[in-house]
N, C-alpha and C. Protein backbone atom coordinates (compact mmCIF):
# COMPACT_ATOMS: atom_id res chain seq x y z
N MET A 1 5.21 3.94 1.45
CA MET A 1 4.31 3.20 2.33
C MET A 1 3.40 4.06 2.77
N CYS A 2 3.78 5.56 2.87
CA CYS A 2 2.89 6.53 3.54
C CYS A 2 1.71 6.91 2.60
N VAL A 3 2.24 6.85 1.01
CA VAL A 3 1.10 6.87 0.17
C VAL A 3 0.01 5.54 0.00
N PHE A 4 0.55 4.71 0.14
CA PHE A 4 -0.50 3.53 0.14
C PHE A 4 -1.06 3.53 1.27
N SER A 5 -1.11 3.75 2.74
CA SER A 5 -1.40 3.91 3.73
C SER A 5 -2.65 5.05 4.06
N ILE A 6 -2.16 6.15 3.48
CA ILE A 6 -3.27 7.15 3.26
C ILE A 6 -4.31 6.77 2.21
N ILE A 7 -3.90 6.26 0.98
CA ILE A 7 -4.94 5.75 -0.20
C ILE A 7 -5.79 4.63 0.54
N GLY A 8 -5.32 3.48 1.85
CA GLY A 8 -5.99 2.56 2.39
C GLY A 8 -6.67 3.11 3.24
N LEU A 9 -6.19 4.50 3.89
CA LEU A 9 -7.74 5.08 4.67
C LEU A 9 -8.36 5.67 4.06
N LEU A 10 -8.35 6.49 3.15
CA LEU A 10 -9.47 7.02 2.40
C LEU A 10 -9.98 6.04 1.69
N THR A 11 -10.25 4.94 1.04
CA THR A 11 -10.80 3.82 0.65
C THR A 11 -11.54 3.56 2.01
N SER A 12 -11.16 2.99 2.75
CA SER A 12 -11.59 2.54 4.00
C SER A 12 -12.93 3.48 4.44
N LEU A 13 -12.31 4.85 4.81
CA LEU A 13 -13.38 5.61 5.25
C LEU A 13 -14.91 5.67 4.33
N ARG A 14 -14.04 5.84 2.95
CA ARG A 14 -15.33 5.97 1.50
C ARG A 14 -16.42 4.61 1.78
N LEU A 15 -15.73 3.38 2.04
CA LEU A 15 -16.46 2.13 2.06
C LEU A 15 -17.25 2.12 3.30
N LYS A 16 -16.69 2.46 4.35
CA LYS A 16 -17.68 2.88 5.74
C LYS A 16 -18.91 3.37 5.26
N ALA A 17 -18.43 4.61 5.12
CA ALA A 17 -19.61 5.56 4.61
C ALA A 17 -20.87 5.07 3.70
N GLU A 18 -20.31 4.31 2.80
CA GLU A 18 -21.30 3.58 1.81
C GLU A 18 -21.85 2.67 2.56
N LEU A 19 -21.38 1.69 3.52
CA LEU A 19 -22.20 0.62 4.37
C LEU A 19 -23.23 1.36 5.16
N GLU A 20 -22.71 2.25 5.70
CA GLU A 20 -23.25 3.01 6.34
C GLU A 20 -24.80 3.68 5.73
N GLU A 21 -24.64 4.11 4.48
CA GLU A 21 -25.86 4.58 3.57
C GLU A 21 -26.70 3.38 3.31
N CYS A 22 -26.06 2.25 2.77
CA CYS A 22 -26.79 1.13 2.70
C CYS A 22 -27.54 0.76 3.93
N LEU A 23 -26.92 0.23 4.81
CA LEU A 23 -27.76 0.06 6.14
C LEU A 23 -28.79 0.72 6.46
N ALA A 24 -28.60 2.33 6.48
CA ALA A 24 -29.68 3.22 6.62
C ALA A 24 -30.87 3.21 5.48
N LYS A 25 -30.73 2.71 4.16
CA LYS A 25 -31.48 2.90 3.04
C LYS A 25 -32.55 1.05 3.43
N ILE A 26 -31.75 0.08 4.01
CA ILE A 26 -32.37 -1.11 4.49
C ILE A 26 -33.14 -0.89 5.32
N GLN A 27 -32.80 -0.19 6.53
CA GLN A 27 -33.45 0.24 7.83
C GLN A 27 -35.08 1.04 6.95
N SER A 28 -34.84 2.08 6.61
CA SER A 28 -35.56 2.86 5.95
C SER A 28 -36.80 1.80 4.86
N MET A 29 -36.46 0.87 4.24
CA MET A 29 -37.20 -0.09 3.62
C MET A 29 -37.86 -1.00 4.46
N VAL A 30 -36.97 -1.64 5.31
CA VAL A 30 -38.07 -2.47 6.27
C VAL A 30 -39.17 -1.86 7.20
N ALA A 31 -38.64 -0.30 7.39
CA ALA A 31 -39.86 0.16 8.62
C ALA A 31 -40.77 0.67 7.48
N GLN A 32 -40.71 0.96 6.03
CA GLN A 32 -42.04 0.86 5.15
C GLN A 32 -42.81 -0.07 5.20
N THR A 33 -42.06 -1.53 4.96
CA THR A 33 -42.94 -2.66 4.72
C THR A 33 -43.41 -3.18 6.44
N ASN A 34 -42.83 -2.99 7.20
CA ASN A 34 -43.67 -3.51 8.66
C ASN A 34 -42.91 -4.80 8.60
N GLU A 35 -41.40 -5.02 8.20
CA GLU A 35 -40.79 -6.59 8.40
C GLU A 35 -39.82 -6.13 9.32
N LYS A 36 -39.87 -5.69 10.44
CA LYS A 36 -38.84 -5.74 11.36
C LYS A 36 -38.26 -6.89 11.80
N GLU A 37 -39.26 -7.84 12.12
CA GLU A 37 -38.80 -9.01 12.89
C GLU A 37 -37.73 -9.84 11.95
N PHE A 38 -38.06 -9.99 10.83
CA PHE A 38 -37.03 -10.67 9.85
C PHE A 38 -35.53 -10.17 9.73
N VAL A 39 -35.42 -9.17 10.13
CA VAL A 39 -34.02 -8.11 9.54
C VAL A 39 -33.34 -7.97 10.81
N ALA A 40 -32.39 -8.16 11.03
CA ALA A 40 -31.61 -7.45 12.69
C ALA A 40 -30.60 -6.55 11.94
N LEU A 41 -30.90 -5.29 11.90
CA LEU A 41 -30.38 -4.48 12.02
C LEU A 41 -30.22 -3.64 13.17
N ARG A 42 -29.14 -3.53 13.90
CA ARG A 42 -28.66 -2.81 15.33
C ARG A 42 -29.79 -3.26 16.26
N GLN A 43 -30.10 -4.46 16.14
CA GLN A 43 -30.89 -5.22 17.21
C GLN A 43 -29.90 -6.34 18.18
N SER A 44 -28.61 -5.83 18.53
CA SER A 44 -27.73 -7.02 18.97
C SER A 44 -28.32 -7.23 20.27
N GLU A 45 -28.60 -8.46 21.12
CA GLU A 45 -28.72 -8.21 22.28
C GLU A 45 -27.72 -9.43 22.90
N GLY A 46 -27.72 -9.41 23.95
CA GLY A 46 -26.96 -10.37 24.81
C GLY A 46 -25.45 -10.02 24.96
N ASP A 47 -24.85 -11.33 24.67
CA ASP A 47 -23.17 -11.36 24.50
C ASP A 47 -22.54 -10.46 23.24
N LEU A 48 -23.25 -10.68 22.21
CA LEU A 48 -22.98 -10.26 20.98
C LEU A 48 -22.88 -8.58 21.00
N SER A 49 -23.74 -8.04 21.44
CA SER A 49 -23.75 -6.73 21.88
C SER A 49 -22.28 -5.73 22.31
N ARG A 50 -21.53 -6.72 23.21
CA ARG A 50 -20.43 -6.18 23.59
C ARG A 50 -19.20 -6.13 23.08
N TYR A 51 -19.45 -6.52 21.72
CA TYR A 51 -18.49 -6.58 20.66
C TYR A 51 -18.22 -5.42 19.90
N PRO A 52 -17.04 -5.26 19.73
CA PRO A 52 -17.11 -3.54 18.82
C PRO A 52 -17.24 -4.08 17.40
N LYS A 53 -17.66 -2.96 16.72
CA LYS A 53 -18.31 -2.91 15.58
C LYS A 53 -17.11 -2.98 14.27
N PHE A 54 -17.34 -4.09 13.71
CA PHE A 54 -15.77 -4.53 12.93
C PHE A 54 -16.28 -3.37 11.46
N ARG A 55 -16.59 -2.21 11.69
CA ARG A 55 -16.64 -1.41 10.30
C ARG A 55 -15.61 -0.29 10.54
N TRP A 56 -15.22 -0.33 11.74
CA TRP A 56 -14.04 0.82 12.15
C TRP A 56 -12.77 0.17 12.39
N ILE A 57 -12.31 -1.22 12.02
CA ILE A 57 -11.48 -1.89 12.23
C ILE A 57 -10.32 -1.39 10.90
N PHE A 58 -10.52 -1.37 9.69
CA PHE A 58 -9.90 -0.84 8.99
C PHE A 58 -9.47 0.79 9.17
N PRO A 59 -10.49 1.67 9.19
CA PRO A 59 -10.16 2.95 9.24
C PRO A 59 -9.27 3.05 10.47
N VAL A 60 -9.34 2.25 11.56
CA VAL A 60 -8.53 2.76 12.76
C VAL A 60 -7.07 2.42 12.42
N PHE A 61 -7.06 0.91 11.48
CA PHE A 61 -5.55 0.41 11.27
C PHE A 61 -4.75 1.21 10.39
N PHE A 62 -5.73 1.58 8.93
CA PHE A 62 -4.73 2.94 8.42
C PHE A 62 -4.83 4.09 9.00
N SER A 63 -5.51 4.60 9.86
CA SER A 63 -5.23 5.65 10.67
C SER A 63 -3.64 5.31 11.64
N LEU A 64 -3.58 4.67 11.99
CA LEU A 64 -2.36 4.06 12.84
C LEU A 64 -1.09 4.06 11.87
N ALA A 65 -1.25 3.11 10.84
CA ALA A 65 -0.42 3.08 9.75
C ALA A 65 0.28 4.34 9.18
N SER A 66 -0.81 5.45 8.88
CA SER A 66 -0.57 6.46 7.86
C SER A 66 0.27 7.42 9.16
N GLY A 67 -0.47 7.42 10.78
CA GLY A 67 0.64 8.15 11.42
C GLY A 67 1.86 8.01 11.55
N GLY A 68 1.73 6.27 11.74
CA GLY A 68 3.17 5.79 12.12
C GLY A 68 4.38 5.67 10.97
N PHE A 69 3.63 5.53 9.35
CA PHE A 69 4.65 5.83 8.21
C PHE A 69 4.93 7.30 8.17
N VAL A 70 3.96 8.35 8.47
CA VAL A 70 4.41 10.00 8.33
C VAL A 70 5.38 10.49 9.33
N SER A 71 5.53 9.91 10.52
CA SER A 71 6.24 10.03 11.78
C SER A 71 7.56 9.29 11.21
N LEU A 72 7.64 8.13 10.53
CA LEU A 72 8.77 7.80 10.34
C LEU A 72 9.66 8.42 9.55
N LEU A 73 8.96 9.00 8.20
CA LEU A 73 9.31 9.52 7.51
C LEU A 73 10.08 11.08 7.84
N VAL A 74 9.24 11.63 8.50
CA VAL A 74 9.68 12.89 8.97
C VAL A 74 10.66 12.65 9.94
N TYR A 75 10.95 11.89 10.68
CA TYR A 75 12.22 11.34 11.26
C TYR A 75 13.43 10.90 10.80
N ARG A 76 13.21 10.15 9.65
CA ARG A 76 14.09 10.04 8.58
C ARG A 76 14.71 11.43 7.95
N LEU A 77 13.47 12.10 7.70
CA LEU A 77 14.19 13.74 7.08
C LEU A 77 14.76 14.66 7.94
N LEU A 78 14.44 14.38 9.20
CA LEU A 78 14.86 14.99 10.34
C LEU A 78 16.78 14.85 10.66
N VAL A 79 16.72 13.00 10.49
CA VAL A 79 18.15 12.84 10.72
C VAL A 79 18.90 12.79 9.47
N GLY A 80 18.21 13.02 8.49
CA GLY A 80 19.36 13.18 7.27
C GLY A 80 19.85 14.33 7.16
N MET A 81 18.80 15.17 7.64
CA MET A 81 19.35 17.14 7.48
C MET A 81 20.64 17.03 8.66
N ARG A 82 20.63 16.51 9.47
CA ARG A 82 21.74 16.50 10.53
C ARG A 82 22.83 16.00 10.19
N MET A 83 22.94 14.74 9.45
CA MET A 83 23.97 14.47 9.02
C MET A 83 24.77 14.92 7.82
N MET A 84 23.81 15.64 7.15
CA MET A 84 23.87 16.76 6.06
C MET A 84 24.92 17.78 6.34
N ARG A 85 24.98 18.39 7.95
CA ARG A 85 25.52 19.50 8.38
C ARG A 85 26.93 19.03 8.75
């Protein structure tokens, strides 16, 4: 479970980075063509601007899962060592 959660964390961070890069390129293309009124990039107004950005959901989840599984693994190893003495 530790390995899978760490792989999930690395994958989600990579996907988030690619999303940020794509959004930056779209914003650059929109700025070059002066078509800003047709594209809603980072222009949230009103009630929608209070919600968290969902691009952080998976990295946060996998960070918590990785930390939890690693701490459980360390705990089990320490308990196992005490039992062997």
